[in-house]
Amino acid sequence: MPEGSAGEFEQMVLLALLHLGDEAYGVPVVDEIHRRTGREVLRPAVYVALRRLERKGLVQSRMGAPRPERGGRARKHYTVTPAGLDLVRDARAAWLAMWDGLQPRLDR
């Protein structure tokens, strides 16, 4: 896959991040994908995808403040970068173009 591209699951992670906003981290991403698609998603798969997306420059991360209810551990928050937004826009346009005109065949 070329640099800056993303597979289907990575695109779902990007979309979940966009739905969740700037305070998104791994667990809510899992929950958002499940809520919107019904797919059971393993937490480690989301963390692997987030690391890949960050290496590709499609998301960036930052450490949040330590959380007392989590034993002082900080969460890693993710934000979609401008390159990630461009990728999501391009992927949406490509899928819409591919779906265009198929409804009569799907209604058979």
N, C-alpha and C. Protein backbone atom coordinates (compact mmCIF):
# COMPACT_ATOMS: atom_id res chain seq x y z
N MET A 1 0.85 -1.18 0.00
CA MET A 1 0.00 0.00 0.00
C MET A 1 0.90 1.24 0.00
N PRO A 2 0.64 2.21 -0.86
CA PRO A 2 1.49 3.40 -0.90
C PRO A 2 1.44 4.20 0.39
N GLU A 3 2.52 4.93 0.64
CA GLU A 3 2.58 5.81 1.82
C GLU A 3 1.41 6.79 1.76
N GLY A 4 0.76 7.03 2.89
CA GLY A 4 -0.36 7.96 2.93
C GLY A 4 -1.68 7.33 2.54
N SER A 5 -1.68 6.03 2.23
CA SER A 5 -2.94 5.36 1.92
C SER A 5 -3.42 4.62 3.17
N ALA A 6 -4.64 4.13 3.12
CA ALA A 6 -5.19 3.42 4.27
C ALA A 6 -6.17 2.37 3.79
N GLY A 7 -6.10 1.19 4.40
CA GLY A 7 -7.04 0.14 4.09
C GLY A 7 -8.40 0.40 4.74
N GLU A 8 -9.32 -0.52 4.52
CA GLU A 8 -10.68 -0.34 5.02
C GLU A 8 -10.73 -0.16 6.53
N PHE A 9 -10.03 -1.00 7.28
CA PHE A 9 -10.09 -0.89 8.73
C PHE A 9 -9.45 0.41 9.20
N GLU A 10 -8.32 0.78 8.60
CA GLU A 10 -7.70 2.05 8.97
C GLU A 10 -8.63 3.22 8.68
N GLN A 11 -9.37 3.15 7.58
CA GLN A 11 -10.33 4.20 7.28
C GLN A 11 -11.43 4.25 8.33
N MET A 12 -11.88 3.09 8.80
CA MET A 12 -12.88 3.08 9.88
C MET A 12 -12.33 3.74 11.14
N VAL A 13 -11.08 3.48 11.44
CA VAL A 13 -10.45 4.10 12.62
C VAL A 13 -10.40 5.61 12.43
N LEU A 14 -10.00 6.08 11.24
CA LEU A 14 -9.98 7.51 10.96
C LEU A 14 -11.37 8.13 11.14
N LEU A 15 -12.38 7.47 10.60
CA LEU A 15 -13.75 7.99 10.71
C LEU A 15 -14.21 8.01 12.17
N ALA A 16 -13.87 6.98 12.92
CA ALA A 16 -14.23 6.95 14.35
C ALA A 16 -13.57 8.12 15.07
N LEU A 17 -12.29 8.38 14.77
CA LEU A 17 -11.60 9.50 15.39
C LEU A 17 -12.30 10.82 15.07
N LEU A 18 -12.73 10.97 13.82
CA LEU A 18 -13.43 12.20 13.44
C LEU A 18 -14.75 12.34 14.18
N HIS A 19 -15.47 11.24 14.35
CA HIS A 19 -16.73 11.29 15.10
C HIS A 19 -16.49 11.64 16.56
N LEU A 20 -15.40 11.13 17.13
CA LEU A 20 -15.15 11.31 18.56
C LEU A 20 -14.52 12.65 18.91
N GLY A 21 -13.82 13.26 18.00
CA GLY A 21 -13.19 14.55 18.27
C GLY A 21 -11.78 14.41 18.83
N ASP A 22 -11.23 15.53 19.29
CA ASP A 22 -9.83 15.60 19.67
C ASP A 22 -9.46 14.84 20.94
N GLU A 23 -10.40 14.41 21.71
CA GLU A 23 -10.09 13.67 22.93
C GLU A 23 -10.16 12.16 22.72
N ALA A 24 -10.14 11.72 21.48
CA ALA A 24 -10.30 10.29 21.18
C ALA A 24 -9.06 9.50 21.59
N TYR A 25 -9.31 8.32 22.11
CA TYR A 25 -8.24 7.37 22.41
C TYR A 25 -8.78 5.98 22.09
N GLY A 26 -7.96 4.97 22.26
CA GLY A 26 -8.25 3.63 21.77
C GLY A 26 -9.59 3.02 22.12
N VAL A 27 -9.95 2.99 23.39
CA VAL A 27 -11.19 2.32 23.81
C VAL A 27 -12.44 2.94 23.17
N PRO A 28 -12.61 4.26 23.19
CA PRO A 28 -13.78 4.82 22.52
C PRO A 28 -13.79 4.56 21.02
N VAL A 29 -12.61 4.44 20.40
CA VAL A 29 -12.56 4.11 18.97
C VAL A 29 -13.17 2.73 18.74
N VAL A 30 -12.78 1.77 19.56
CA VAL A 30 -13.36 0.42 19.49
C VAL A 30 -14.87 0.49 19.62
N ASP A 31 -15.35 1.21 20.62
CA ASP A 31 -16.78 1.32 20.88
C ASP A 31 -17.52 2.02 19.73
N GLU A 32 -16.90 3.05 19.16
CA GLU A 32 -17.54 3.81 18.07
C GLU A 32 -17.69 2.95 16.82
N ILE A 33 -16.64 2.20 16.49
CA ILE A 33 -16.73 1.31 15.32
C ILE A 33 -17.80 0.27 15.54
N HIS A 34 -17.85 -0.31 16.72
CA HIS A 34 -18.88 -1.32 17.02
C HIS A 34 -20.27 -0.71 16.96
N ARG A 35 -20.43 0.45 17.56
CA ARG A 35 -21.75 1.10 17.60
C ARG A 35 -22.26 1.42 16.19
N ARG A 36 -21.38 1.90 15.34
CA ARG A 36 -21.80 2.34 14.01
C ARG A 36 -21.88 1.21 12.98
N THR A 37 -21.09 0.15 13.16
CA THR A 37 -21.04 -0.91 12.14
C THR A 37 -21.54 -2.26 12.62
N GLY A 38 -21.60 -2.44 13.94
CA GLY A 38 -21.96 -3.75 14.48
C GLY A 38 -20.80 -4.72 14.48
N ARG A 39 -19.65 -4.31 13.99
CA ARG A 39 -18.48 -5.18 13.95
C ARG A 39 -17.83 -5.27 15.32
N GLU A 40 -17.48 -6.49 15.70
CA GLU A 40 -16.71 -6.69 16.93
C GLU A 40 -15.26 -6.38 16.59
N VAL A 41 -14.69 -5.44 17.30
CA VAL A 41 -13.33 -4.99 17.02
C VAL A 41 -12.46 -5.27 18.23
N LEU A 42 -11.32 -5.88 17.99
CA LEU A 42 -10.39 -6.14 19.08
C LEU A 42 -9.57 -4.89 19.37
N ARG A 43 -9.42 -4.58 20.64
CA ARG A 43 -8.67 -3.39 21.04
C ARG A 43 -7.24 -3.38 20.47
N PRO A 44 -6.52 -4.52 20.53
CA PRO A 44 -5.16 -4.48 19.97
C PRO A 44 -5.13 -4.13 18.47
N ALA A 45 -6.14 -4.53 17.73
CA ALA A 45 -6.19 -4.19 16.30
C ALA A 45 -6.30 -2.68 16.10
N VAL A 46 -7.05 -2.03 16.97
CA VAL A 46 -7.19 -0.57 16.87
C VAL A 46 -5.86 0.10 17.19
N TYR A 47 -5.17 -0.38 18.23
CA TYR A 47 -3.88 0.23 18.59
C TYR A 47 -2.84 0.03 17.49
N VAL A 48 -2.84 -1.12 16.85
CA VAL A 48 -1.92 -1.37 15.72
C VAL A 48 -2.26 -0.41 14.58
N ALA A 49 -3.54 -0.27 14.28
CA ALA A 49 -3.96 0.64 13.20
C ALA A 49 -3.58 2.09 13.54
N LEU A 50 -3.77 2.50 14.78
CA LEU A 50 -3.41 3.87 15.17
C LEU A 50 -1.91 4.12 15.00
N ARG A 51 -1.09 3.13 15.37
CA ARG A 51 0.36 3.29 15.18
C ARG A 51 0.72 3.39 13.70
N ARG A 52 0.09 2.55 12.86
CA ARG A 52 0.34 2.62 11.41
C ARG A 52 -0.08 3.97 10.85
N LEU A 53 -1.27 4.43 11.25
CA LEU A 53 -1.77 5.72 10.76
C LEU A 53 -0.85 6.85 11.20
N GLU A 54 -0.31 6.76 12.40
CA GLU A 54 0.60 7.80 12.86
C GLU A 54 1.90 7.77 12.05
N ARG A 55 2.43 6.58 11.78
CA ARG A 55 3.65 6.47 10.96
C ARG A 55 3.43 7.05 9.57
N LYS A 56 2.22 6.90 9.05
CA LYS A 56 1.89 7.41 7.72
C LYS A 56 1.59 8.91 7.72
N GLY A 57 1.53 9.51 8.90
CA GLY A 57 1.25 10.93 9.00
C GLY A 57 -0.22 11.28 8.88
N LEU A 58 -1.11 10.29 9.06
CA LEU A 58 -2.54 10.51 8.92
C LEU A 58 -3.21 10.85 10.25
N VAL A 59 -2.57 10.52 11.36
CA VAL A 59 -3.02 10.93 12.69
C VAL A 59 -1.79 11.38 13.47
N GLN A 60 -2.04 12.16 14.50
CA GLN A 60 -0.98 12.51 15.45
C GLN A 60 -1.49 12.22 16.84
N SER A 61 -0.56 11.95 17.73
CA SER A 61 -0.95 11.61 19.10
C SER A 61 -0.32 12.60 20.07
N ARG A 62 -0.92 12.63 21.24
CA ARG A 62 -0.38 13.41 22.36
C ARG A 62 -0.80 12.70 23.63
N MET A 63 0.01 12.82 24.65
CA MET A 63 -0.31 12.22 25.93
C MET A 63 -1.17 13.18 26.73
N GLY A 64 -2.26 12.65 27.27
CA GLY A 64 -3.12 13.44 28.15
C GLY A 64 -2.53 13.49 29.55
N ALA A 65 -3.19 14.22 30.40
CA ALA A 65 -2.75 14.31 31.80
C ALA A 65 -3.01 12.98 32.50
N PRO A 66 -2.18 12.63 33.48
CA PRO A 66 -2.43 11.40 34.25
C PRO A 66 -3.82 11.43 34.87
N ARG A 67 -4.45 10.28 34.91
CA ARG A 67 -5.82 10.18 35.41
C ARG A 67 -5.80 9.42 36.74
N PRO A 68 -6.26 10.06 37.80
CA PRO A 68 -6.21 9.41 39.12
C PRO A 68 -7.01 8.11 39.16
N GLU A 69 -8.15 8.04 38.45
CA GLU A 69 -8.96 6.82 38.51
C GLU A 69 -8.33 5.67 37.73
N ARG A 70 -7.26 5.94 37.00
CA ARG A 70 -6.58 4.87 36.27
C ARG A 70 -5.21 4.60 36.88
N GLY A 71 -5.02 4.90 38.14
CA GLY A 71 -3.75 4.65 38.79
C GLY A 71 -2.65 5.58 38.32
N GLY A 72 -3.02 6.76 37.85
CA GLY A 72 -2.03 7.74 37.44
C GLY A 72 -1.57 7.62 36.00
N ARG A 73 -2.08 6.65 35.27
CA ARG A 73 -1.65 6.47 33.88
C ARG A 73 -2.32 7.50 32.98
N ALA A 74 -1.55 8.00 32.02
CA ALA A 74 -2.08 8.95 31.05
C ALA A 74 -2.60 8.20 29.83
N ARG A 75 -3.57 8.80 29.17
CA ARG A 75 -4.10 8.23 27.93
C ARG A 75 -3.42 8.90 26.75
N LYS A 76 -3.27 8.15 25.68
CA LYS A 76 -2.74 8.70 24.44
C LYS A 76 -3.93 9.10 23.57
N HIS A 77 -4.04 10.38 23.28
CA HIS A 77 -5.14 10.91 22.48
C HIS A 77 -4.68 11.09 21.03
N TYR A 78 -5.61 10.89 20.10
CA TYR A 78 -5.30 10.96 18.68
C TYR A 78 -6.15 11.99 17.98
N THR A 79 -5.54 12.65 16.99
CA THR A 79 -6.22 13.63 16.15
C THR A 79 -5.90 13.31 14.70
N VAL A 80 -6.87 13.44 13.83
CA VAL A 80 -6.66 13.24 12.40
C VAL A 80 -5.93 14.47 11.85
N THR A 81 -4.87 14.24 11.10
CA THR A 81 -4.09 15.33 10.52
C THR A 81 -4.75 15.83 9.23
N PRO A 82 -4.30 16.97 8.70
CA PRO A 82 -4.82 17.41 7.40
C PRO A 82 -4.65 16.36 6.30
N ALA A 83 -3.53 15.63 6.32
CA ALA A 83 -3.34 14.56 5.33
C ALA A 83 -4.38 13.46 5.53
N GLY A 84 -4.71 13.16 6.79
CA GLY A 84 -5.75 12.16 7.07
C GLY A 84 -7.11 12.61 6.59
N LEU A 85 -7.41 13.89 6.77
CA LEU A 85 -8.68 14.44 6.27
C LEU A 85 -8.75 14.35 4.75
N ASP A 86 -7.65 14.68 4.09
CA ASP A 86 -7.61 14.57 2.62
C ASP A 86 -7.86 13.14 2.18
N LEU A 87 -7.23 12.19 2.87
CA LEU A 87 -7.42 10.78 2.51
C LEU A 87 -8.88 10.36 2.66
N VAL A 88 -9.49 10.76 3.77
CA VAL A 88 -10.90 10.40 4.02
C VAL A 88 -11.79 11.02 2.95
N ARG A 89 -11.55 12.26 2.60
CA ARG A 89 -12.35 12.92 1.55
C ARG A 89 -12.19 12.20 0.20
N ASP A 90 -10.95 11.87 -0.14
CA ASP A 90 -10.68 11.19 -1.42
C ASP A 90 -11.31 9.80 -1.44
N ALA A 91 -11.21 9.07 -0.33
CA ALA A 91 -11.79 7.73 -0.26
C ALA A 91 -13.31 7.79 -0.40
N ARG A 92 -13.92 8.77 0.25
CA ARG A 92 -15.39 8.93 0.15
C ARG A 92 -15.80 9.22 -1.28
N ALA A 93 -15.09 10.12 -1.94
CA ALA A 93 -15.41 10.46 -3.33
C ALA A 93 -15.26 9.24 -4.24
N ALA A 94 -14.22 8.44 -4.02
CA ALA A 94 -14.00 7.24 -4.84
C ALA A 94 -15.13 6.23 -4.64
N TRP A 95 -15.52 5.99 -3.37
CA TRP A 95 -16.59 5.04 -3.11
C TRP A 95 -17.93 5.53 -3.68
N LEU A 96 -18.21 6.81 -3.54
CA LEU A 96 -19.46 7.34 -4.10
C LEU A 96 -19.48 7.21 -5.62
N ALA A 97 -18.35 7.46 -6.25
CA ALA A 97 -18.27 7.31 -7.71
C ALA A 97 -18.50 5.86 -8.12
N MET A 98 -17.96 4.93 -7.34
CA MET A 98 -18.15 3.50 -7.66
C MET A 98 -19.59 3.06 -7.44
N TRP A 99 -20.27 3.60 -6.43
CA TRP A 99 -21.65 3.24 -6.14
C TRP A 99 -22.63 3.88 -7.12
N ASP A 100 -22.25 5.00 -7.71
CA ASP A 100 -23.14 5.74 -8.59
C ASP A 100 -23.68 4.86 -9.71
N GLY A 101 -24.99 4.82 -9.85
CA GLY A 101 -25.66 4.07 -10.91
C GLY A 101 -25.92 2.61 -10.62
N LEU A 102 -25.54 2.12 -9.45
CA LEU A 102 -25.74 0.70 -9.14
C LEU A 102 -27.11 0.38 -8.55
N GLN A 103 -27.86 1.37 -8.13
CA GLN A 103 -29.12 1.09 -7.44
C GLN A 103 -30.06 0.20 -8.24
N PRO A 104 -30.25 0.43 -9.56
CA PRO A 104 -31.14 -0.47 -10.31
C PRO A 104 -30.69 -1.93 -10.25
N ARG A 105 -29.41 -2.18 -10.28
CA ARG A 105 -28.92 -3.57 -10.19
C ARG A 105 -29.13 -4.15 -8.80
N LEU A 106 -29.03 -3.31 -7.79
CA LEU A 106 -29.20 -3.78 -6.41
C LEU A 106 -30.67 -4.05 -6.08
N ASP A 107 -31.57 -3.39 -6.79
CA ASP A 107 -33.02 -3.54 -6.55
C ASP A 107 -33.61 -4.78 -7.20
N ARG A 108 -32.86 -5.49 -7.98
CA ARG A 108 -33.39 -6.69 -8.69
C ARG A 108 -33.84 -7.75 -7.75
